Amino acid sequence: MRTERFSPPAGAIAQRYSESVSFARRLYRHDIAGSIAHALAATGILTTNEFEVIARGLREVESEIAEGRFVRDQSLEDVHINIEAAWSQLHL
């Protein structure tokens, strides 16, 4: 996340200038598909069960977004980080 790259953290003006969540949210389906495809490409690293948990969780996040239940956090860097954070909240 961006906040980990800066010390002290970026100020509100810098965050507003560099955020892409507000307009890149329409990319969520592609981001989720890419994340699933990436997991598929690494099948030697993940067990079938691990992959299924990841894919199922990403599809849950996709449903939340499609149904308008997803609350994005503009302090997070982009749509990918928002999806990653949502998946983590569901599964960690």
PDB file of N, CA and C in Angstrom:
ATOM      1  N   MET A   1       0.821  -1.175   0.000  1.00  0.00           N
ATOM      2  CA  MET A   1       0.000   0.000   0.000  1.00  0.00           C
ATOM      3  C   MET A   1       0.869   1.244   0.000  1.00  0.00           C
ATOM      4  N   ARG A   2       0.331   2.279  -0.526  1.00  0.00           N
ATOM      5  CA  ARG A   2       1.079   3.520  -0.657  1.00  0.00           C
ATOM      6  C   ARG A   2       1.582   4.018   0.683  1.00  0.00           C
ATOM      7  N   THR A   3       0.808   3.880   1.736  1.00  0.00           N
ATOM      8  CA  THR A   3       1.200   4.418   3.032  1.00  0.00           C
ATOM      9  C   THR A   3       2.470   3.773   3.556  1.00  0.00           C
ATOM     10  N   GLU A   4       2.769   2.574   3.113  1.00  0.00           N
ATOM     11  CA  GLU A   4       3.984   1.902   3.562  1.00  0.00           C
ATOM     12  C   GLU A   4       5.221   2.399   2.814  1.00  0.00           C
ATOM     13  N   ARG A   5       5.022   3.062   1.692  1.00  0.00           N
ATOM     14  CA  ARG A   5       6.162   3.529   0.904  1.00  0.00           C
ATOM     15  C   ARG A   5       6.639   4.907   1.304  1.00  0.00           C
ATOM     16  N   PHE A   6       5.835   5.637   2.049  1.00  0.00           N
ATOM     17  CA  PHE A   6       6.198   6.986   2.437  1.00  0.00           C
ATOM     18  C   PHE A   6       6.307   7.097   3.946  1.00  0.00           C
ATOM     19  N   SER A   7       7.300   7.837   4.376  1.00  0.00           N
ATOM     20  CA  SER A   7       7.444   8.091   5.798  1.00  0.00           C
ATOM     21  C   SER A   7       7.769   9.567   5.946  1.00  0.00           C
ATOM     22  N   PRO A   8       6.958  10.383   6.490  1.00  0.00           N
ATOM     23  CA  PRO A   8       5.619  10.090   7.002  1.00  0.00           C
ATOM     24  C   PRO A   8       4.647   9.794   5.856  1.00  0.00           C
ATOM     25  N   PRO A   9       3.450   9.270   6.177  1.00  0.00           N
ATOM     26  CA  PRO A   9       2.478   8.942   5.131  1.00  0.00           C
ATOM     27  C   PRO A   9       2.133  10.160   4.275  1.00  0.00           C
ATOM     28  N   ALA A  10       1.733   9.897   3.042  1.00  0.00           N
ATOM     29  CA  ALA A  10       1.344  10.973   2.131  1.00  0.00           C
ATOM     30  C   ALA A  10       0.170  11.747   2.712  1.00  0.00           C
ATOM     31  N   GLY A  11       0.179  13.044   2.507  1.00  0.00           N
ATOM     32  CA  GLY A  11      -0.900  13.888   3.008  1.00  0.00           C
ATOM     33  C   GLY A  11      -2.170  13.717   2.190  1.00  0.00           C
ATOM     34  N   ALA A  12      -3.232  14.305   2.670  1.00  0.00           N
ATOM     35  CA  ALA A  12      -4.546  14.172   2.031  1.00  0.00           C
ATOM     36  C   ALA A  12      -4.534  14.696   0.598  1.00  0.00           C
ATOM     37  N   ILE A  13      -3.848  15.803   0.353  1.00  0.00           N
ATOM     38  CA  ILE A  13      -3.799  16.363  -1.002  1.00  0.00           C
ATOM     39  C   ILE A  13      -3.080  15.404  -1.940  1.00  0.00           C
ATOM     40  N   ALA A  14      -1.969  14.846  -1.499  1.00  0.00           N
ATOM     41  CA  ALA A  14      -1.230  13.887  -2.322  1.00  0.00           C
ATOM     42  C   ALA A  14      -2.070  12.643  -2.587  1.00  0.00           C
ATOM     43  N   GLN A  15      -2.798  12.179  -1.589  1.00  0.00           N
ATOM     44  CA  GLN A  15      -3.657  11.007  -1.781  1.00  0.00           C
ATOM     45  C   GLN A  15      -4.763  11.296  -2.791  1.00  0.00           C
ATOM     46  N   ARG A  16      -5.401  12.459  -2.680  1.00  0.00           N
ATOM     47  CA  ARG A  16      -6.459  12.815  -3.641  1.00  0.00           C
ATOM     48  C   ARG A  16      -5.897  12.907  -5.053  1.00  0.00           C
ATOM     49  N   TYR A  17      -4.697  13.436  -5.188  1.00  0.00           N
ATOM     50  CA  TYR A  17      -4.078  13.595  -6.499  1.00  0.00           C
ATOM     51  C   TYR A  17      -3.736  12.249  -7.129  1.00  0.00           C
ATOM     52  N   SER A  18      -3.268  11.312  -6.324  1.00  0.00           N
ATOM     53  CA  SER A  18      -2.759  10.056  -6.879  1.00  0.00           C
ATOM     54  C   SER A  18      -3.737   8.889  -6.835  1.00  0.00           C
ATOM     55  N   GLU A  19      -4.887   9.045  -6.192  1.00  0.00           N
ATOM     56  CA  GLU A  19      -5.816   7.916  -6.110  1.00  0.00           C
ATOM     57  C   GLU A  19      -6.444   7.635  -7.476  1.00  0.00           C
ATOM     58  N   SER A  20      -6.742   6.365  -7.716  1.00  0.00           N
ATOM     59  CA  SER A  20      -7.420   6.002  -8.958  1.00  0.00           C
ATOM     60  C   SER A  20      -8.696   5.217  -8.700  1.00  0.00           C
ATOM     61  N   VAL A  21      -9.003   4.984  -7.426  1.00  0.00           N
ATOM     62  CA  VAL A  21     -10.153   4.158  -7.070  1.00  0.00           C
ATOM     63  C   VAL A  21     -11.450   4.752  -7.602  1.00  0.00           C
ATOM     64  N   SER A  22     -11.602   6.061  -7.534  1.00  0.00           N
ATOM     65  CA  SER A  22     -12.869   6.689  -7.908  1.00  0.00           C
ATOM     66  C   SER A  22     -13.223   6.483  -9.376  1.00  0.00           C
ATOM     67  N   PHE A  23     -12.246   6.373 -10.260  1.00  0.00           N
ATOM     68  CA  PHE A  23     -12.564   6.183 -11.672  1.00  0.00           C
ATOM     69  C   PHE A  23     -12.165   4.809 -12.204  1.00  0.00           C
ATOM     70  N   ALA A  24     -11.289   4.101 -11.519  1.00  0.00           N
ATOM     71  CA  ALA A  24     -10.844   2.787 -11.995  1.00  0.00           C
ATOM     72  C   ALA A  24     -11.724   1.652 -11.483  1.00  0.00           C
ATOM     73  N   ARG A  25     -12.746   1.978 -10.698  1.00  0.00           N
ATOM     74  CA  ARG A  25     -13.602   0.929 -10.134  1.00  0.00           C
ATOM     75  C   ARG A  25     -14.239   0.077 -11.221  1.00  0.00           C
ATOM     76  N   ARG A  26     -14.418   0.606 -12.402  1.00  0.00           N
ATOM     77  CA  ARG A  26     -15.024  -0.180 -13.482  1.00  0.00           C
ATOM     78  C   ARG A  26     -14.096  -1.293 -13.970  1.00  0.00           C
ATOM     79  N   LEU A  27     -12.850  -1.282 -13.517  1.00  0.00           N
ATOM     80  CA  LEU A  27     -11.893  -2.328 -13.893  1.00  0.00           C
ATOM     81  C   LEU A  27     -11.951  -3.548 -12.983  1.00  0.00           C
ATOM     82  N   TYR A  28     -12.839  -3.539 -11.988  1.00  0.00           N
ATOM     83  CA  TYR A  28     -12.808  -4.596 -10.978  1.00  0.00           C
ATOM     84  C   TYR A  28     -12.948  -5.985 -11.577  1.00  0.00           C
ATOM     85  N   ARG A  29     -13.808  -6.180 -12.559  1.00  0.00           N
ATOM     86  CA  ARG A  29     -13.980  -7.521 -13.147  1.00  0.00           C
ATOM     87  C   ARG A  29     -12.680  -8.009 -13.778  1.00  0.00           C
ATOM     88  N   HIS A  30     -12.001  -7.122 -14.463  1.00  0.00           N
ATOM     89  CA  HIS A  30     -10.741  -7.485 -15.114  1.00  0.00           C
ATOM     90  C   HIS A  30      -9.660  -7.770 -14.075  1.00  0.00           C
ATOM     91  N   ASP A  31      -9.649  -6.981 -13.013  1.00  0.00           N
ATOM     92  CA  ASP A  31      -8.666  -7.195 -11.958  1.00  0.00           C
ATOM     93  C   ASP A  31      -8.892  -8.546 -11.287  1.00  0.00           C
ATOM     94  N   ILE A  32     -10.144  -8.878 -11.017  1.00  0.00           N
ATOM     95  CA  ILE A  32     -10.452 -10.157 -10.384  1.00  0.00           C
ATOM     96  C   ILE A  32     -10.109 -11.305 -11.322  1.00  0.00           C
ATOM     97  N   ALA A  33     -10.457 -11.188 -12.591  1.00  0.00           N
ATOM     98  CA  ALA A  33     -10.119 -12.240 -13.554  1.00  0.00           C
ATOM     99  C   ALA A  33      -8.610 -12.417 -13.644  1.00  0.00           C
ATOM    100  N   GLY A  34      -7.886 -11.316 -13.633  1.00  0.00           N
ATOM    101  CA  GLY A  34      -6.425 -11.398 -13.671  1.00  0.00           C
ATOM    102  C   GLY A  34      -5.852 -12.053 -12.438  1.00  0.00           C
ATOM    103  N   SER A  35      -6.435 -11.760 -11.286  1.00  0.00           N
ATOM    104  CA  SER A  35      -5.968 -12.385 -10.046  1.00  0.00           C
ATOM    105  C   SER A  35      -6.234 -13.881 -10.062  1.00  0.00           C
ATOM    106  N   ILE A  36      -7.410 -14.284 -10.557  1.00  0.00           N
ATOM    107  CA  ILE A  36      -7.724 -15.709 -10.660  1.00  0.00           C
ATOM    108  C   ILE A  36      -6.783 -16.373 -11.653  1.00  0.00           C
ATOM    109  N   ALA A  37      -6.553 -15.733 -12.794  1.00  0.00           N
ATOM    110  CA  ALA A  37      -5.653 -16.296 -13.797  1.00  0.00           C
ATOM    111  C   ALA A  37      -4.240 -16.431 -13.241  1.00  0.00           C
ATOM    112  N   HIS A  38      -3.813 -15.442 -12.465  1.00  0.00           N
ATOM    113  CA  HIS A  38      -2.480 -15.498 -11.863  1.00  0.00           C
ATOM    114  C   HIS A  38      -2.383 -16.694 -10.924  1.00  0.00           C
ATOM    115  N   ALA A  39      -3.422 -16.912 -10.140  1.00  0.00           N
ATOM    116  CA  ALA A  39      -3.429 -18.061  -9.230  1.00  0.00           C
ATOM    117  C   ALA A  39      -3.404 -19.362 -10.023  1.00  0.00           C
ATOM    118  N   LEU A  40      -4.118 -19.411 -11.129  1.00  0.00           N
ATOM    119  CA  LEU A  40      -4.108 -20.607 -11.971  1.00  0.00           C
ATOM    120  C   LEU A  40      -2.713 -20.878 -12.523  1.00  0.00           C
ATOM    121  N   ALA A  41      -2.025 -19.822 -12.908  1.00  0.00           N
ATOM    122  CA  ALA A  41      -0.688 -19.976 -13.476  1.00  0.00           C
ATOM    123  C   ALA A  41       0.288 -20.538 -12.462  1.00  0.00           C
ATOM    124  N   ALA A  42      -0.006 -20.357 -11.204  1.00  0.00           N
ATOM    125  CA  ALA A  42       0.892 -20.804 -10.135  1.00  0.00           C
ATOM    126  C   ALA A  42       0.397 -22.098  -9.487  1.00  0.00           C
ATOM    127  N   THR A  43      -0.255 -22.948 -10.241  1.00  0.00           N
ATOM    128  CA  THR A  43      -0.854 -24.147  -9.654  1.00  0.00           C
ATOM    129  C   THR A  43       0.150 -25.046  -8.964  1.00  0.00           C
ATOM    130  N   GLY A  44       1.394 -24.947  -9.316  1.00  0.00           N
ATOM    131  CA  GLY A  44       2.394 -25.755  -8.628  1.00  0.00           C
ATOM    132  C   GLY A  44       2.666 -25.260  -7.216  1.00  0.00           C
ATOM    133  N   ILE A  45       2.272 -24.053  -6.926  1.00  0.00           N
ATOM    134  CA  ILE A  45       2.507 -23.456  -5.619  1.00  0.00           C
ATOM    135  C   ILE A  45       1.289 -23.636  -4.715  1.00  0.00           C
ATOM    136  N   LEU A  46       0.100 -23.528  -5.284  1.00  0.00           N
ATOM    137  CA  LEU A  46      -1.134 -23.640  -4.515  1.00  0.00           C
ATOM    138  C   LEU A  46      -1.728 -25.039  -4.640  1.00  0.00           C
ATOM    139  N   THR A  47      -2.324 -25.503  -3.572  1.00  0.00           N
ATOM    140  CA  THR A  47      -3.098 -26.738  -3.668  1.00  0.00           C
ATOM    141  C   THR A  47      -4.421 -26.396  -4.342  1.00  0.00           C
ATOM    142  N   THR A  48      -5.123 -27.399  -4.798  1.00  0.00           N
ATOM    143  CA  THR A  48      -6.431 -27.174  -5.408  1.00  0.00           C
ATOM    144  C   THR A  48      -7.362 -26.479  -4.428  1.00  0.00           C
ATOM    145  N   ASN A  49      -7.348 -26.901  -3.188  1.00  0.00           N
ATOM    146  CA  ASN A  49      -8.204 -26.291  -2.172  1.00  0.00           C
ATOM    147  C   ASN A  49      -7.849 -24.821  -1.955  1.00  0.00           C
ATOM    148  N   GLU A  50      -6.566 -24.503  -1.886  1.00  0.00           N
ATOM    149  CA  GLU A  50      -6.145 -23.110  -1.698  1.00  0.00           C
ATOM    150  C   GLU A  50      -6.614 -22.240  -2.861  1.00  0.00           C
ATOM    151  N   PHE A  51      -6.448 -22.757  -4.075  1.00  0.00           N
ATOM    152  CA  PHE A  51      -6.898 -22.007  -5.244  1.00  0.00           C
ATOM    153  C   PHE A  51      -8.402 -21.765  -5.186  1.00  0.00           C
ATOM    154  N   GLU A  52      -9.167 -22.796  -4.824  1.00  0.00           N
ATOM    155  CA  GLU A  52     -10.623 -22.666  -4.761  1.00  0.00           C
ATOM    156  C   GLU A  52     -11.046 -21.627  -3.725  1.00  0.00           C
ATOM    157  N   VAL A  53     -10.356 -21.589  -2.595  1.00  0.00           N
ATOM    158  CA  VAL A  53     -10.657 -20.585  -1.563  1.00  0.00           C
ATOM    159  C   VAL A  53     -10.399 -19.182  -2.107  1.00  0.00           C
ATOM    160  N   ILE A  54      -9.279 -19.006  -2.779  1.00  0.00           N
ATOM    161  CA  ILE A  54      -8.935 -17.697  -3.349  1.00  0.00           C
ATOM    162  C   ILE A  54      -9.953 -17.289  -4.410  1.00  0.00           C
ATOM    163  N   ALA A  55     -10.231 -18.187  -5.341  1.00  0.00           N
ATOM    164  CA  ALA A  55     -11.159 -17.869  -6.431  1.00  0.00           C
ATOM    165  C   ALA A  55     -12.561 -17.592  -5.898  1.00  0.00           C
ATOM    166  N   ARG A  56     -13.024 -18.402  -4.954  1.00  0.00           N
ATOM    167  CA  ARG A  56     -14.359 -18.204  -4.376  1.00  0.00           C
ATOM    168  C   ARG A  56     -14.434 -16.838  -3.672  1.00  0.00           C
ATOM    169  N   GLY A  57     -13.389 -16.505  -2.932  1.00  0.00           N
ATOM    170  CA  GLY A  57     -13.358 -15.216  -2.245  1.00  0.00           C
ATOM    171  C   GLY A  57     -13.360 -14.044  -3.207  1.00  0.00           C
ATOM    172  N   LEU A  58     -12.596 -14.164  -4.289  1.00  0.00           N
ATOM    173  CA  LEU A  58     -12.572 -13.092  -5.283  1.00  0.00           C
ATOM    174  C   LEU A  58     -13.932 -12.947  -5.956  1.00  0.00           C
ATOM    175  N   ARG A  59     -14.599 -14.058  -6.174  1.00  0.00           N
ATOM    176  CA  ARG A  59     -15.945 -13.987  -6.760  1.00  0.00           C
ATOM    177  C   ARG A  59     -16.940 -13.361  -5.778  1.00  0.00           C
ATOM    178  N   GLU A  60     -16.751 -13.595  -4.480  1.00  0.00           N
ATOM    179  CA  GLU A  60     -17.596 -12.941  -3.466  1.00  0.00           C
ATOM    180  C   GLU A  60     -17.421 -11.426  -3.534  1.00  0.00           C
ATOM    181  N   VAL A  61     -16.167 -10.996  -3.621  1.00  0.00           N
ATOM    182  CA  VAL A  61     -15.888  -9.558  -3.724  1.00  0.00           C
ATOM    183  C   VAL A  61     -16.500  -9.010  -5.014  1.00  0.00           C
ATOM    184  N   GLU A  62     -16.376  -9.758  -6.103  1.00  0.00           N
ATOM    185  CA  GLU A  62     -16.962  -9.341  -7.379  1.00  0.00           C
ATOM    186  C   GLU A  62     -18.474  -9.152  -7.242  1.00  0.00           C
ATOM    187  N   SER A  63     -19.139 -10.067  -6.560  1.00  0.00           N
ATOM    188  CA  SER A  63     -20.591  -9.956  -6.347  1.00  0.00           C
ATOM    189  C   SER A  63     -20.932  -8.725  -5.518  1.00  0.00           C
ATOM    190  N   GLU A  64     -20.150  -8.468  -4.472  1.00  0.00           N
ATOM    191  CA  GLU A  64     -20.384  -7.279  -3.644  1.00  0.00           C
ATOM    192  C   GLU A  64     -20.302  -6.010  -4.487  1.00  0.00           C
ATOM    193  N   ILE A  65     -19.310  -5.958  -5.365  1.00  0.00           N
ATOM    194  CA  ILE A  65     -19.139  -4.773  -6.214  1.00  0.00           C
ATOM    195  C   ILE A  65     -20.304  -4.659  -7.186  1.00  0.00           C
ATOM    196  N   ALA A  66     -20.630  -5.763  -7.868  1.00  0.00           N
ATOM    197  CA  ALA A  66     -21.699  -5.752  -8.869  1.00  0.00           C
ATOM    198  C   ALA A  66     -23.048  -5.380  -8.261  1.00  0.00           C
ATOM    199  N   GLU A  67     -23.281  -5.780  -7.018  1.00  0.00           N
ATOM    200  CA  GLU A  67     -24.554  -5.514  -6.346  1.00  0.00           C
ATOM    201  C   GLU A  67     -24.567  -4.172  -5.611  1.00  0.00           C
ATOM    202  N   GLY A  68     -23.461  -3.449  -5.671  1.00  0.00           N
ATOM    203  CA  GLY A  68     -23.394  -2.138  -5.036  1.00  0.00           C
ATOM    204  C   GLY A  68     -23.202  -2.179  -3.530  1.00  0.00           C
ATOM    205  N   ARG A  69     -22.787  -3.317  -2.988  1.00  0.00           N
ATOM    206  CA  ARG A  69     -22.580  -3.446  -1.542  1.00  0.00           C
ATOM    207  C   ARG A  69     -21.136  -3.170  -1.141  1.00  0.00           C
ATOM    208  N   PHE A  70     -20.247  -3.043  -2.096  1.00  0.00           N
ATOM    209  CA  PHE A  70     -18.820  -2.866  -1.831  1.00  0.00           C
ATOM    210  C   PHE A  70     -18.539  -1.417  -1.460  1.00  0.00           C
ATOM    211  N   VAL A  71     -17.844  -1.222  -0.361  1.00  0.00           N
ATOM    212  CA  VAL A  71     -17.460   0.127   0.064  1.00  0.00           C
ATOM    213  C   VAL A  71     -15.970   0.283  -0.201  1.00  0.00           C
ATOM    214  N   ARG A  72     -15.637   1.118  -1.174  1.00  0.00           N
ATOM    215  CA  ARG A  72     -14.226   1.294  -1.515  1.00  0.00           C
ATOM    216  C   ARG A  72     -13.586   2.294  -0.565  1.00  0.00           C
ATOM    217  N   ASP A  73     -12.315   2.116  -0.380  1.00  0.00           N
ATOM    218  CA  ASP A  73     -11.537   2.975   0.509  1.00  0.00           C
ATOM    219  C   ASP A  73     -10.585   3.789  -0.355  1.00  0.00           C
ATOM    220  N   GLN A  74     -10.875   5.068  -0.531  1.00  0.00           N
ATOM    221  CA  GLN A  74     -10.051   5.894  -1.411  1.00  0.00           C
ATOM    222  C   GLN A  74      -8.663   6.153  -0.848  1.00  0.00           C
ATOM    223  N   SER A  75      -8.441   5.818   0.418  1.00  0.00           N
ATOM    224  CA  SER A  75      -7.089   5.977   0.956  1.00  0.00           C
ATOM    225  C   SER A  75      -6.183   4.843   0.488  1.00  0.00           C
ATOM    226  N   LEU A  76      -6.786   3.770  -0.028  1.00  0.00           N
ATOM    227  CA  LEU A  76      -5.986   2.685  -0.594  1.00  0.00           C
ATOM    228  C   LEU A  76      -5.613   3.071  -2.018  1.00  0.00           C
ATOM    229  N   GLU A  77      -4.531   2.521  -2.487  1.00  0.00           N
ATOM    230  CA  GLU A  77      -3.908   3.016  -3.713  1.00  0.00           C
ATOM    231  C   GLU A  77      -4.779   2.906  -4.961  1.00  0.00           C
ATOM    232  N   ASP A  78      -5.429   1.771  -5.177  1.00  0.00           N
ATOM    233  CA  ASP A  78      -6.171   1.578  -6.415  1.00  0.00           C
ATOM    234  C   ASP A  78      -7.214   0.486  -6.239  1.00  0.00           C
ATOM    235  N   VAL A  79      -7.888   0.148  -7.329  1.00  0.00           N
ATOM    236  CA  VAL A  79      -8.951  -0.854  -7.267  1.00  0.00           C
ATOM    237  C   VAL A  79      -8.394  -2.217  -6.854  1.00  0.00           C
ATOM    238  N   HIS A  80      -7.206  -2.560  -7.324  1.00  0.00           N
ATOM    239  CA  HIS A  80      -6.607  -3.851  -6.975  1.00  0.00           C
ATOM    240  C   HIS A  80      -6.382  -3.965  -5.466  1.00  0.00           C
ATOM    241  N   ILE A  81      -5.833  -2.934  -4.863  1.00  0.00           N
ATOM    242  CA  ILE A  81      -5.567  -2.963  -3.424  1.00  0.00           C
ATOM    243  C   ILE A  81      -6.878  -3.003  -2.646  1.00  0.00           C
ATOM    244  N   ASN A  82      -7.916  -2.320  -3.141  1.00  0.00           N
ATOM    245  CA  ASN A  82      -9.227  -2.391  -2.492  1.00  0.00           C
ATOM    246  C   ASN A  82      -9.784  -3.808  -2.543  1.00  0.00           C
ATOM    247  N   ILE A  83      -9.652  -4.467  -3.680  1.00  0.00           N
ATOM    248  CA  ILE A  83     -10.130  -5.847  -3.817  1.00  0.00           C
ATOM    249  C   ILE A  83      -9.326  -6.766  -2.911  1.00  0.00           C
ATOM    250  N   GLU A  84      -8.033  -6.583  -2.902  1.00  0.00           N
ATOM    251  CA  GLU A  84      -7.161  -7.397  -2.045  1.00  0.00           C
ATOM    252  C   GLU A  84      -7.536  -7.222  -0.566  1.00  0.00           C
ATOM    253  N   ALA A  85      -7.778  -5.992  -0.153  1.00  0.00           N
ATOM    254  CA  ALA A  85      -8.147  -5.727   1.236  1.00  0.00           C
ATOM    255  C   ALA A  85      -9.499  -6.356   1.573  1.00  0.00           C
ATOM    256  N   ALA A  86     -10.448  -6.275   0.641  1.00  0.00           N
ATOM    257  CA  ALA A  86     -11.770  -6.872   0.874  1.00  0.00           C
ATOM    258  C   ALA A  86     -11.660  -8.386   0.989  1.00  0.00           C
ATOM    259  N   TRP A  87     -10.862  -8.997   0.125  1.00  0.00           N
ATOM    260  CA  TRP A  87     -10.664 -10.450   0.198  1.00  0.00           C
ATOM    261  C   TRP A  87     -10.040 -10.816   1.538  1.00  0.00           C
ATOM    262  N   SER A  88      -9.058 -10.055   1.961  1.00  0.00           N
ATOM    263  CA  SER A  88      -8.386 -10.327   3.235  1.00  0.00           C
ATOM    264  C   SER A  88      -9.357 -10.243   4.405  1.00  0.00           C
ATOM    265  N   GLN A  89     -10.260  -9.277   4.372  1.00  0.00           N
ATOM    266  CA  GLN A  89     -11.246  -9.146   5.447  1.00  0.00           C
ATOM    267  C   GLN A  89     -12.192 -10.338   5.476  1.00  0.00           C
ATOM    268  N   LEU A  90     -12.496 -10.894   4.319  1.00  0.00           N
ATOM    269  CA  LEU A  90     -13.387 -12.051   4.249  1.00  0.00           C
ATOM    270  C   LEU A  90     -12.705 -13.344   4.684  1.00  0.00           C
ATOM    271  N   HIS A  91     -11.410 -13.461   4.433  1.00  0.00           N
ATOM    272  CA  HIS A  91     -10.753 -14.764   4.542  1.00  0.00           C
ATOM    273  C   HIS A  91      -9.562 -14.849   5.481  1.00  0.00           C
ATOM    274  N   LEU A  92      -9.198 -13.783   6.136  1.00  0.00           N
ATOM    275  CA  LEU A  92      -8.063 -13.874   7.062  1.00  0.00           C
ATOM    276  C   LEU A  92      -8.513 -13.669   8.483  1.00  0.00           C
TER     277      LEU A  92
END
